[in-house]
Amino acid sequence: MNFLISNAYAADGNQPGGDYFLPIMLVVFGLFFYFMIMRPQQKRVKEYRELMASISKGDEVLTKGGIIGRVAKVNENGYIALELNETSEIVIKRDYITSILPKGTMKSL
């Protein structure tokens, strides 16, 4: 009996869900994709750009490699001089900074 019903739908050309089922599902999938994937990613990128723009001399920062240091110089070409202690200084690319730490973090370690 099911075989006859299936053939009836195939012969008629109408699907059980109606003609608008596929476009509605595409819109729902597009909205899901935007709100679950695209929007959070855009928010993270915006926060990271704000972090990079807010770095200034004297900030204590953490790098992707786990180095904690104080910003000694900020160059316009994207490099930052980090002061690890009173005698050591390294130069890193601005992109390798992951976060700005609260003041006094280096002294507490």
PDB file of N, CA and C in Angstrom:
ATOM      1  N   MET A   1       0.823  -1.194   0.000  1.00  0.00           N
ATOM      2  CA  MET A   1       0.000   0.000   0.000  1.00  0.00           C
ATOM      3  C   MET A   1       0.865   1.256   0.000  1.00  0.00           C
ATOM      4  N   ASN A   2       1.965   1.232   0.782  1.00  0.00           N
ATOM      5  CA  ASN A   2       2.870   2.376   0.796  1.00  0.00           C
ATOM      6  C   ASN A   2       3.471   2.633  -0.578  1.00  0.00           C
ATOM      7  N   PHE A   3       3.714   1.574  -1.300  1.00  0.00           N
ATOM      8  CA  PHE A   3       4.273   1.711  -2.624  1.00  0.00           C
ATOM      9  C   PHE A   3       3.314   2.481  -3.539  1.00  0.00           C
ATOM     10  N   LEU A   4       2.047   2.237  -3.390  1.00  0.00           N
ATOM     11  CA  LEU A   4       1.057   2.924  -4.206  1.00  0.00           C
ATOM     12  C   LEU A   4       0.960   4.400  -3.841  1.00  0.00           C
ATOM     13  N   ILE A   5       1.070   4.696  -2.554  1.00  0.00           N
ATOM     14  CA  ILE A   5       1.021   6.090  -2.118  1.00  0.00           C
ATOM     15  C   ILE A   5       2.249   6.839  -2.624  1.00  0.00           C
ATOM     16  N   SER A   6       3.425   6.205  -2.552  1.00  0.00           N
ATOM     17  CA  SER A   6       4.647   6.828  -3.047  1.00  0.00           C
ATOM     18  C   SER A   6       4.550   7.111  -4.532  1.00  0.00           C
ATOM     19  N   ASN A   7       3.991   6.177  -5.276  1.00  0.00           N
ATOM     20  CA  ASN A   7       3.835   6.391  -6.711  1.00  0.00           C
ATOM     21  C   ASN A   7       2.836   7.497  -7.003  1.00  0.00           C
ATOM     22  N   ALA A   8       1.841   7.639  -6.153  1.00  0.00           N
ATOM     23  CA  ALA A   8       0.853   8.691  -6.359  1.00  0.00           C
ATOM     24  C   ALA A   8       1.502  10.063  -6.213  1.00  0.00           C
ATOM     25  N   TYR A   9       2.384  10.238  -5.220  1.00  0.00           N
ATOM     26  CA  TYR A   9       3.092  11.505  -5.065  1.00  0.00           C
ATOM     27  C   TYR A   9       4.043  11.751  -6.229  1.00  0.00           C
ATOM     28  N   ALA A  10       4.708  10.690  -6.673  1.00  0.00           N
ATOM     29  CA  ALA A  10       5.654  10.836  -7.773  1.00  0.00           C
ATOM     30  C   ALA A  10       4.921  11.193  -9.065  1.00  0.00           C
ATOM     31  N   ALA A  11       3.775  10.635  -9.281  1.00  0.00           N
ATOM     32  CA  ALA A  11       3.030  10.910 -10.505  1.00  0.00           C
ATOM     33  C   ALA A  11       2.422  12.303 -10.480  1.00  0.00           C
ATOM     34  N   ASP A  12       2.007  12.734  -9.287  1.00  0.00           N
ATOM     35  CA  ASP A  12       1.372  14.044  -9.159  1.00  0.00           C
ATOM     36  C   ASP A  12       2.405  15.177  -9.226  1.00  0.00           C
ATOM     37  N   GLY A  13       3.623  14.939  -8.702  1.00  0.00           N
ATOM     38  CA  GLY A  13       4.662  15.960  -8.724  1.00  0.00           C
ATOM     39  C   GLY A  13       4.681  16.823  -7.483  1.00  0.00           C
ATOM     40  N   ASN A  14       3.697  16.715  -6.618  1.00  0.00           N
ATOM     41  CA  ASN A  14       3.660  17.497  -5.385  1.00  0.00           C
ATOM     42  C   ASN A  14       4.338  16.720  -4.261  1.00  0.00           C
ATOM     43  N   GLN A  15       5.061  17.409  -3.475  1.00  0.00           N
ATOM     44  CA  GLN A  15       5.711  16.781  -2.325  1.00  0.00           C
ATOM     45  C   GLN A  15       4.787  16.893  -1.123  1.00  0.00           C
ATOM     46  N   PRO A  16       4.919  15.988  -0.151  1.00  0.00           N
ATOM     47  CA  PRO A  16       4.056  16.036   1.023  1.00  0.00           C
ATOM     48  C   PRO A  16       4.220  17.332   1.820  1.00  0.00           C
ATOM     49  N   GLY A  17       5.387  17.969   1.798  1.00  0.00           N
ATOM     50  CA  GLY A  17       5.616  19.187   2.568  1.00  0.00           C
ATOM     51  C   GLY A  17       5.113  20.440   1.892  1.00  0.00           C
ATOM     52  N   GLY A  18       4.784  20.401   0.673  1.00  0.00           N
ATOM     53  CA  GLY A  18       4.310  21.582  -0.033  1.00  0.00           C
ATOM     54  C   GLY A  18       5.404  22.161  -0.911  1.00  0.00           C
ATOM     55  N   ASP A  19       5.049  23.184  -1.655  1.00  0.00           N
ATOM     56  CA  ASP A  19       5.976  23.786  -2.603  1.00  0.00           C
ATOM     57  C   ASP A  19       6.982  24.725  -1.928  1.00  0.00           C
ATOM     58  N   TYR A  20       6.654  25.221  -0.761  1.00  0.00           N
ATOM     59  CA  TYR A  20       7.507  26.215  -0.100  1.00  0.00           C
ATOM     60  C   TYR A  20       8.432  25.620   0.949  1.00  0.00           C
ATOM     61  N   PHE A  21       8.449  24.317   1.069  1.00  0.00           N
ATOM     62  CA  PHE A  21       9.264  23.671   2.094  1.00  0.00           C
ATOM     63  C   PHE A  21      10.757  23.941   1.888  1.00  0.00           C
ATOM     64  N   LEU A  22      11.265  23.758   0.695  1.00  0.00           N
ATOM     65  CA  LEU A  22      12.691  23.938   0.416  1.00  0.00           C
ATOM     66  C   LEU A  22      13.152  25.386   0.605  1.00  0.00           C
ATOM     67  N   PRO A  23      12.473  26.395   0.080  1.00  0.00           N
ATOM     68  CA  PRO A  23      12.923  27.772   0.325  1.00  0.00           C
ATOM     69  C   PRO A  23      12.887  28.160   1.808  1.00  0.00           C
ATOM     70  N   ILE A  24      11.862  27.699   2.520  1.00  0.00           N
ATOM     71  CA  ILE A  24      11.790  28.005   3.955  1.00  0.00           C
ATOM     72  C   ILE A  24      12.951  27.360   4.694  1.00  0.00           C
ATOM     73  N   MET A  25      13.277  26.125   4.373  1.00  0.00           N
ATOM     74  CA  MET A  25      14.399  25.436   5.026  1.00  0.00           C
ATOM     75  C   MET A  25      15.728  26.117   4.703  1.00  0.00           C
ATOM     76  N   LEU A  26      15.890  26.612   3.474  1.00  0.00           N
ATOM     77  CA  LEU A  26      17.108  27.326   3.112  1.00  0.00           C
ATOM     78  C   LEU A  26      17.252  28.619   3.909  1.00  0.00           C
ATOM     79  N   VAL A  27      16.155  29.339   4.092  1.00  0.00           N
ATOM     80  CA  VAL A  27      16.186  30.571   4.888  1.00  0.00           C
ATOM     81  C   VAL A  27      16.503  30.258   6.340  1.00  0.00           C
ATOM     82  N   VAL A  28      15.891  29.222   6.895  1.00  0.00           N
ATOM     83  CA  VAL A  28      16.159  28.831   8.287  1.00  0.00           C
ATOM     84  C   VAL A  28      17.617  28.425   8.442  1.00  0.00           C
ATOM     85  N   PHE A  29      18.139  27.652   7.519  1.00  0.00           N
ATOM     86  CA  PHE A  29      19.539  27.249   7.582  1.00  0.00           C
ATOM     87  C   PHE A  29      20.463  28.460   7.464  1.00  0.00           C
ATOM     88  N   GLY A  30      20.133  29.402   6.591  1.00  0.00           N
ATOM     89  CA  GLY A  30      20.948  30.612   6.455  1.00  0.00           C
ATOM     90  C   GLY A  30      20.955  31.434   7.725  1.00  0.00           C
ATOM     91  N   LEU A  31      19.819  31.599   8.365  1.00  0.00           N
ATOM     92  CA  LEU A  31      19.753  32.339   9.632  1.00  0.00           C
ATOM     93  C   LEU A  31      20.532  31.618  10.730  1.00  0.00           C
ATOM     94  N   PHE A  32      20.387  30.308  10.796  1.00  0.00           N
ATOM     95  CA  PHE A  32      21.135  29.525  11.774  1.00  0.00           C
ATOM     96  C   PHE A  32      22.634  29.695  11.559  1.00  0.00           C
ATOM     97  N   PHE A  33      23.072  29.595  10.320  1.00  0.00           N
ATOM     98  CA  PHE A  33      24.485  29.752   9.996  1.00  0.00           C
ATOM     99  C   PHE A  33      24.991  31.133  10.400  1.00  0.00           C
ATOM    100  N   TYR A  34      24.213  32.176  10.131  1.00  0.00           N
ATOM    101  CA  TYR A  34      24.631  33.535  10.468  1.00  0.00           C
ATOM    102  C   TYR A  34      24.747  33.730  11.979  1.00  0.00           C
ATOM    103  N   PHE A  35      23.712  33.350  12.722  1.00  0.00           N
ATOM    104  CA  PHE A  35      23.700  33.621  14.154  1.00  0.00           C
ATOM    105  C   PHE A  35      24.600  32.690  14.961  1.00  0.00           C
ATOM    106  N   MET A  36      24.880  31.502  14.466  1.00  0.00           N
ATOM    107  CA  MET A  36      25.710  30.571  15.225  1.00  0.00           C
ATOM    108  C   MET A  36      27.180  30.602  14.820  1.00  0.00           C
ATOM    109  N   ILE A  37      27.493  31.017  13.614  1.00  0.00           N
ATOM    110  CA  ILE A  37      28.877  30.967  13.147  1.00  0.00           C
ATOM    111  C   ILE A  37      29.409  32.343  12.775  1.00  0.00           C
ATOM    112  N   MET A  38      28.746  33.047  11.893  1.00  0.00           N
ATOM    113  CA  MET A  38      29.282  34.303  11.364  1.00  0.00           C
ATOM    114  C   MET A  38      29.283  35.430  12.395  1.00  0.00           C
ATOM    115  N   ARG A  39      28.191  35.624  13.089  1.00  0.00           N
ATOM    116  CA  ARG A  39      28.080  36.748  14.020  1.00  0.00           C
ATOM    117  C   ARG A  39      29.070  36.641  15.180  1.00  0.00           C
ATOM    118  N   PRO A  40      29.209  35.472  15.850  1.00  0.00           N
ATOM    119  CA  PRO A  40      30.213  35.382  16.922  1.00  0.00           C
ATOM    120  C   PRO A  40      31.640  35.596  16.414  1.00  0.00           C
ATOM    121  N   GLN A  41      31.936  35.115  15.213  1.00  0.00           N
ATOM    122  CA  GLN A  41      33.277  35.299  14.661  1.00  0.00           C
ATOM    123  C   GLN A  41      33.548  36.779  14.383  1.00  0.00           C
ATOM    124  N   GLN A  42      32.574  37.484  13.844  1.00  0.00           N
ATOM    125  CA  GLN A  42      32.742  38.913  13.587  1.00  0.00           C
ATOM    126  C   GLN A  42      32.936  39.677  14.894  1.00  0.00           C
ATOM    127  N   LYS A  43      32.260  39.254  15.935  1.00  0.00           N
ATOM    128  CA  LYS A  43      32.392  39.896  17.242  1.00  0.00           C
ATOM    129  C   LYS A  43      33.798  39.693  17.800  1.00  0.00           C
ATOM    130  N   ARG A  44      34.335  38.465  17.673  1.00  0.00           N
ATOM    131  CA  ARG A  44      35.703  38.191  18.148  1.00  0.00           C
ATOM    132  C   ARG A  44      36.736  39.007  17.381  1.00  0.00           C
ATOM    133  N   VAL A  45      36.565  39.139  16.076  1.00  0.00           N
ATOM    134  CA  VAL A  45      37.495  39.922  15.261  1.00  0.00           C
ATOM    135  C   VAL A  45      37.456  41.389  15.677  1.00  0.00           C
ATOM    136  N   LYS A  46      36.276  41.912  15.925  1.00  0.00           N
ATOM    137  CA  LYS A  46      36.136  43.305  16.351  1.00  0.00           C
ATOM    138  C   LYS A  46      36.814  43.532  17.707  1.00  0.00           C
ATOM    139  N   GLU A  47      36.616  42.614  18.654  1.00  0.00           N
ATOM    140  CA  GLU A  47      37.255  42.737  19.968  1.00  0.00           C
ATOM    141  C   GLU A  47      38.772  42.681  19.843  1.00  0.00           C
ATOM    142  N   TYR A  48      39.285  41.817  18.961  1.00  0.00           N
ATOM    143  CA  TYR A  48      40.734  41.699  18.784  1.00  0.00           C
ATOM    144  C   TYR A  48      41.317  42.975  18.166  1.00  0.00           C
ATOM    145  N   ARG A  49      40.610  43.567  17.214  1.00  0.00           N
ATOM    146  CA  ARG A  49      41.074  44.832  16.617  1.00  0.00           C
ATOM    147  C   ARG A  49      41.111  45.941  17.663  1.00  0.00           C
ATOM    148  N   GLU A  50      40.095  45.984  18.521  1.00  0.00           N
ATOM    149  CA  GLU A  50      40.077  46.981  19.590  1.00  0.00           C
ATOM    150  C   GLU A  50      41.228  46.763  20.559  1.00  0.00           C
ATOM    151  N   LEU A  51      41.540  45.507  20.859  1.00  0.00           N
ATOM    152  CA  LEU A  51      42.671  45.187  21.733  1.00  0.00           C
ATOM    153  C   LEU A  51      43.972  45.666  21.112  1.00  0.00           C
ATOM    154  N   MET A  52      44.164  45.410  19.829  1.00  0.00           N
ATOM    155  CA  MET A  52      45.401  45.820  19.161  1.00  0.00           C
ATOM    156  C   MET A  52      45.529  47.345  19.128  1.00  0.00           C
ATOM    157  N   ALA A  53      44.419  48.032  18.963  1.00  0.00           N
ATOM    158  CA  ALA A  53      44.449  49.492  18.901  1.00  0.00           C
ATOM    159  C   ALA A  53      44.677  50.115  20.278  1.00  0.00           C
ATOM    160  N   SER A  54      44.321  49.399  21.337  1.00  0.00           N
ATOM    161  CA  SER A  54      44.421  49.981  22.676  1.00  0.00           C
ATOM    162  C   SER A  54      45.761  49.735  23.368  1.00  0.00           C
ATOM    163  N   ILE A  55      46.670  49.004  22.736  1.00  0.00           N
ATOM    164  CA  ILE A  55      47.975  48.729  23.350  1.00  0.00           C
ATOM    165  C   ILE A  55      48.789  50.010  23.381  1.00  0.00           C
ATOM    166  N   SER A  56      49.316  50.326  24.560  1.00  0.00           N
ATOM    167  CA  SER A  56      50.134  51.528  24.699  1.00  0.00           C
ATOM    168  C   SER A  56      51.307  51.240  25.630  1.00  0.00           C
ATOM    169  N   LYS A  57      52.231  52.174  25.679  1.00  0.00           N
ATOM    170  CA  LYS A  57      53.431  52.032  26.494  1.00  0.00           C
ATOM    171  C   LYS A  57      53.036  51.892  27.969  1.00  0.00           C
ATOM    172  N   GLY A  58      53.659  50.922  28.640  1.00  0.00           N
ATOM    173  CA  GLY A  58      53.398  50.688  30.050  1.00  0.00           C
ATOM    174  C   GLY A  58      52.401  49.582  30.329  1.00  0.00           C
ATOM    175  N   ASP A  59      51.686  49.113  29.306  1.00  0.00           N
ATOM    176  CA  ASP A  59      50.732  48.015  29.498  1.00  0.00           C
ATOM    177  C   ASP A  59      51.482  46.711  29.727  1.00  0.00           C
ATOM    178  N   GLU A  60      50.944  45.871  30.585  1.00  0.00           N
ATOM    179  CA  GLU A  60      51.489  44.537  30.780  1.00  0.00           C
ATOM    180  C   GLU A  60      50.669  43.582  29.932  1.00  0.00           C
ATOM    181  N   VAL A  61      51.359  42.798  29.100  1.00  0.00           N
ATOM    182  CA  VAL A  61      50.672  41.963  28.110  1.00  0.00           C
ATOM    183  C   VAL A  61      51.145  40.516  28.195  1.00  0.00           C
ATOM    184  N   LEU A  62      50.308  39.638  27.647  1.00  0.00           N
ATOM    185  CA  LEU A  62      50.612  38.220  27.525  1.00  0.00           C
ATOM    186  C   LEU A  62      50.676  37.889  26.041  1.00  0.00           C
ATOM    187  N   THR A  63      51.741  37.192  25.620  1.00  0.00           N
ATOM    188  CA  THR A  63      51.888  36.829  24.216  1.00  0.00           C
ATOM    189  C   THR A  63      51.349  35.425  23.977  1.00  0.00           C
ATOM    190  N   LYS A  64      51.221  35.056  22.711  1.00  0.00           N
ATOM    191  CA  LYS A  64      50.757  33.715  22.362  1.00  0.00           C
ATOM    192  C   LYS A  64      51.726  32.644  22.836  1.00  0.00           C
ATOM    193  N   GLY A  65      52.985  32.989  22.969  1.00  0.00           N
ATOM    194  CA  GLY A  65      53.988  32.039  23.431  1.00  0.00           C
ATOM    195  C   GLY A  65      54.062  31.933  24.944  1.00  0.00           C
ATOM    196  N   GLY A  66      53.243  32.702  25.662  1.00  0.00           N
ATOM    197  CA  GLY A  66      53.221  32.627  27.113  1.00  0.00           C
ATOM    198  C   GLY A  66      54.161  33.595  27.807  1.00  0.00           C
ATOM    199  N   ILE A  67      54.744  34.528  27.074  1.00  0.00           N
ATOM    200  CA  ILE A  67      55.659  35.501  27.655  1.00  0.00           C
ATOM    201  C   ILE A  67      54.855  36.675  28.204  1.00  0.00           C
ATOM    202  N   ILE A  68      55.181  37.061  29.431  1.00  0.00           N
ATOM    203  CA  ILE A  68      54.545  38.223  30.044  1.00  0.00           C
ATOM    204  C   ILE A  68      55.573  39.339  30.082  1.00  0.00           C
ATOM    205  N   GLY A  69      55.187  40.515  29.629  1.00  0.00           N
ATOM    206  CA  GLY A  69      56.111  41.637  29.617  1.00  0.00           C
ATOM    207  C   GLY A  69      55.382  42.963  29.627  1.00  0.00           C
ATOM    208  N   ARG A  70      56.163  44.011  29.825  1.00  0.00           N
ATOM    209  CA  ARG A  70      55.625  45.375  29.823  1.00  0.00           C
ATOM    210  C   ARG A  70      56.007  46.032  28.502  1.00  0.00           C
ATOM    211  N   VAL A  71      55.076  46.723  27.895  1.00  0.00           N
ATOM    212  CA  VAL A  71      55.320  47.373  26.611  1.00  0.00           C
ATOM    213  C   VAL A  71      56.247  48.559  26.838  1.00  0.00           C
ATOM    214  N   ALA A  72      57.413  48.526  26.160  1.00  0.00           N
ATOM    215  CA  ALA A  72      58.383  49.612  26.273  1.00  0.00           C
ATOM    216  C   ALA A  72      58.239  50.599  25.113  1.00  0.00           C
ATOM    217  N   LYS A  73      58.012  50.078  23.911  1.00  0.00           N
ATOM    218  CA  LYS A  73      57.862  50.920  22.720  1.00  0.00           C
ATOM    219  C   LYS A  73      56.800  50.321  21.819  1.00  0.00           C
ATOM    220  N   VAL A  74      56.057  51.188  21.165  1.00  0.00           N
ATOM    221  CA  VAL A  74      55.076  50.761  20.161  1.00  0.00           C
ATOM    222  C   VAL A  74      55.462  51.434  18.857  1.00  0.00           C
ATOM    223  N   ASN A  75      55.843  50.630  17.865  1.00  0.00           N
ATOM    224  CA  ASN A  75      56.204  51.163  16.553  1.00  0.00           C
ATOM    225  C   ASN A  75      54.978  51.240  15.662  1.00  0.00           C
ATOM    226  N   GLU A  76      55.029  52.134  14.719  1.00  0.00           N
ATOM    227  CA  GLU A  76      53.922  52.310  13.778  1.00  0.00           C
ATOM    228  C   GLU A  76      53.834  51.154  12.782  1.00  0.00           C
ATOM    229  N   ASN A  77      54.932  50.443  12.563  1.00  0.00           N
ATOM    230  CA  ASN A  77      54.957  49.390  11.557  1.00  0.00           C
ATOM    231  C   ASN A  77      54.511  48.027  12.092  1.00  0.00           C
ATOM    232  N   GLY A  78      53.947  47.972  13.299  1.00  0.00           N
ATOM    233  CA  GLY A  78      53.380  46.730  13.799  1.00  0.00           C
ATOM    234  C   GLY A  78      54.243  45.955  14.761  1.00  0.00           C
ATOM    235  N   TYR A  79      55.333  46.517  15.236  1.00  0.00           N
ATOM    236  CA  TYR A  79      56.194  45.821  16.175  1.00  0.00           C
ATOM    237  C   TYR A  79      56.147  46.501  17.533  1.00  0.00           C
ATOM    238  N   ILE A  80      56.346  45.692  18.567  1.00  0.00           N
ATOM    239  CA  ILE A  80      56.307  46.186  19.943  1.00  0.00           C
ATOM    240  C   ILE A  80      57.544  45.690  20.671  1.00  0.00           C
ATOM    241  N   ALA A  81      58.167  46.578  21.440  1.00  0.00           N
ATOM    242  CA  ALA A  81      59.292  46.188  22.287  1.00  0.00           C
ATOM    243  C   ALA A  81      58.736  45.861  23.665  1.00  0.00           C
ATOM    244  N   LEU A  82      58.988  44.615  24.110  1.00  0.00           N
ATOM    245  CA  LEU A  82      58.522  44.181  25.422  1.00  0.00           C
ATOM    246  C   LEU A  82      59.692  44.150  26.388  1.00  0.00           C
ATOM    247  N   GLU A  83      59.481  44.712  27.543  1.00  0.00           N
ATOM    248  CA  GLU A  83      60.462  44.717  28.615  1.00  0.00           C
ATOM    249  C   GLU A  83      60.122  43.541  29.531  1.00  0.00           C
ATOM    250  N   LEU A  84      61.005  42.522  29.569  1.00  0.00           N
ATOM    251  CA  LEU A  84      60.749  41.344  30.394  1.00  0.00           C
ATOM    252  C   LEU A  84      61.136  41.588  31.849  1.00  0.00           C
ATOM    253  N   ASN A  85      62.248  42.280  32.033  1.00  0.00           N
ATOM    254  CA  ASN A  85      62.682  42.755  33.352  1.00  0.00           C
ATOM    255  C   ASN A  85      63.471  44.035  33.119  1.00  0.00           C
ATOM    256  N   GLU A  86      64.218  44.491  34.119  1.00  0.00           N
ATOM    257  CA  GLU A  86      64.936  45.766  33.971  1.00  0.00           C
ATOM    258  C   GLU A  86      66.036  45.713  32.914  1.00  0.00           C
ATOM    259  N   THR A  87      66.568  44.519  32.634  1.00  0.00           N
ATOM    260  CA  THR A  87      67.703  44.411  31.711  1.00  0.00           C
ATOM    261  C   THR A  87      67.365  43.773  30.366  1.00  0.00           C
ATOM    262  N   SER A  88      66.280  43.037  30.257  1.00  0.00           N
ATOM    263  CA  SER A  88      65.952  42.316  29.015  1.00  0.00           C
ATOM    264  C   SER A  88      64.797  42.967  28.284  1.00  0.00           C
ATOM    265  N   GLU A  89      64.956  43.016  26.978  1.00  0.00           N
ATOM    266  CA  GLU A  89      63.914  43.562  26.126  1.00  0.00           C
ATOM    267  C   GLU A  89      63.871  42.752  24.839  1.00  0.00           C
ATOM    268  N   ILE A  90      62.682  42.423  24.379  1.00  0.00           N
ATOM    269  CA  ILE A  90      62.522  41.703  23.118  1.00  0.00           C
ATOM    270  C   ILE A  90      61.576  42.487  22.226  1.00  0.00           C
ATOM    271  N   VAL A  91      61.674  42.235  20.927  1.00  0.00           N
ATOM    272  CA  VAL A  91      60.785  42.877  19.953  1.00  0.00           C
ATOM    273  C   VAL A  91      59.919  41.784  19.348  1.00  0.00           C
ATOM    274  N   ILE A  92      58.611  42.009  19.381  1.00  0.00           N
ATOM    275  CA  ILE A  92      57.672  41.037  18.807  1.00  0.00           C
ATOM    276  C   ILE A  92      56.698  41.775  17.890  1.00  0.00           C
ATOM    277  N   LYS A  93      56.014  40.996  17.077  1.00  0.00           N
ATOM    278  CA  LYS A  93      54.972  41.556  16.234  1.00  0.00           C
ATOM    279  C   LYS A  93      53.731  41.790  17.083  1.00  0.00           C
ATOM    280  N   ARG A  94      53.034  42.840  16.802  1.00  0.00           N
ATOM    281  CA  ARG A  94      51.846  43.226  17.574  1.00  0.00           C
ATOM    282  C   ARG A  94      50.785  42.119  17.566  1.00  0.00           C
ATOM    283  N   ASP A  95      50.703  41.355  16.483  1.00  0.00           N
ATOM    284  CA  ASP A  95      49.681  40.313  16.349  1.00  0.00           C
ATOM    285  C   ASP A  95      49.838  39.178  17.351  1.00  0.00           C
ATOM    286  N   TYR A  96      51.022  39.025  17.951  1.00  0.00           N
ATOM    287  CA  TYR A  96      51.273  37.915  18.862  1.00  0.00           C
ATOM    288  C   TYR A  96      50.829  38.201  20.286  1.00  0.00           C
ATOM    289  N   ILE A  97      50.228  39.334  20.540  1.00  0.00           N
ATOM    290  CA  ILE A  97      49.715  39.639  21.870  1.00  0.00           C
ATOM    291  C   ILE A  97      48.293  39.104  21.965  1.00  0.00           C
ATOM    292  N   THR A  98      48.028  38.348  23.037  1.00  0.00           N
ATOM    293  CA  THR A  98      46.698  37.768  23.206  1.00  0.00           C
ATOM    294  C   THR A  98      45.831  38.562  24.169  1.00  0.00           C
ATOM    295  N   SER A  99      46.446  39.166  25.190  1.00  0.00           N
ATOM    296  CA  SER A  99      45.621  39.916  26.138  1.00  0.00           C
ATOM    297  C   SER A  99      46.457  40.960  26.869  1.00  0.00           C
ATOM    298  N   ILE A 100      45.753  41.956  27.366  1.00  0.00           N
ATOM    299  CA  ILE A 100      46.375  42.966  28.213  1.00  0.00           C
ATOM    300  C   ILE A 100      46.052  42.585  29.653  1.00  0.00           C
ATOM    301  N   LEU A 101      47.090  42.483  30.478  1.00  0.00           N
ATOM    302  CA  LEU A 101      46.927  42.052  31.862  1.00  0.00           C
ATOM    303  C   LEU A 101      46.717  43.253  32.776  1.00  0.00           C
ATOM    304  N   PRO A 102      46.138  43.039  33.943  1.00  0.00           N
ATOM    305  CA  PRO A 102      45.988  44.128  34.907  1.00  0.00           C
ATOM    306  C   PRO A 102      47.354  44.630  35.385  1.00  0.00           C
ATOM    307  N   LYS A 103      47.418  45.893  35.749  1.00  0.00           N
ATOM    308  CA  LYS A 103      48.663  46.484  36.240  1.00  0.00           C
ATOM    309  C   LYS A 103      49.113  45.739  37.495  1.00  0.00           C
ATOM    310  N   GLY A 104      50.424  45.512  37.604  1.00  0.00           N
ATOM    311  CA  GLY A 104      50.978  44.838  38.771  1.00  0.00           C
ATOM    312  C   GLY A 104      51.060  43.341  38.656  1.00  0.00           C
ATOM    313  N   THR A 105      50.681  42.786  37.518  1.00  0.00           N
ATOM    314  CA  THR A 105      50.736  41.338  37.342  1.00  0.00           C
ATOM    315  C   THR A 105      52.167  40.830  37.357  1.00  0.00           C
ATOM    316  N   MET A 106      53.076  41.570  36.729  1.00  0.00           N
ATOM    317  CA  MET A 106      54.471  41.123  36.681  1.00  0.00           C
ATOM    318  C   MET A 106      55.102  41.118  38.073  1.00  0.00           C
ATOM    319  N   LYS A 107      54.761  42.079  38.917  1.00  0.00           N
ATOM    320  CA  LYS A 107      55.330  42.113  40.259  1.00  0.00           C
ATOM    321  C   LYS A 107      54.795  41.004  41.127  1.00  0.00           C
ATOM    322  N   SER A 108      53.553  40.582  40.890  1.00  0.00           N
ATOM    323  CA  SER A 108      52.961  39.525  41.721  1.00  0.00           C
ATOM    324  C   SER A 108      53.512  38.156  41.375  1.00  0.00           C
ATOM    325  N   LEU A 109      54.146  38.020  40.201  1.00  0.00           N
ATOM    326  CA  LEU A 109      54.719  36.722  39.821  1.00  0.00           C
ATOM    327  C   LEU A 109      56.072  36.642  40.368  1.00  0.00           C
TER     328      LEU A 109
END
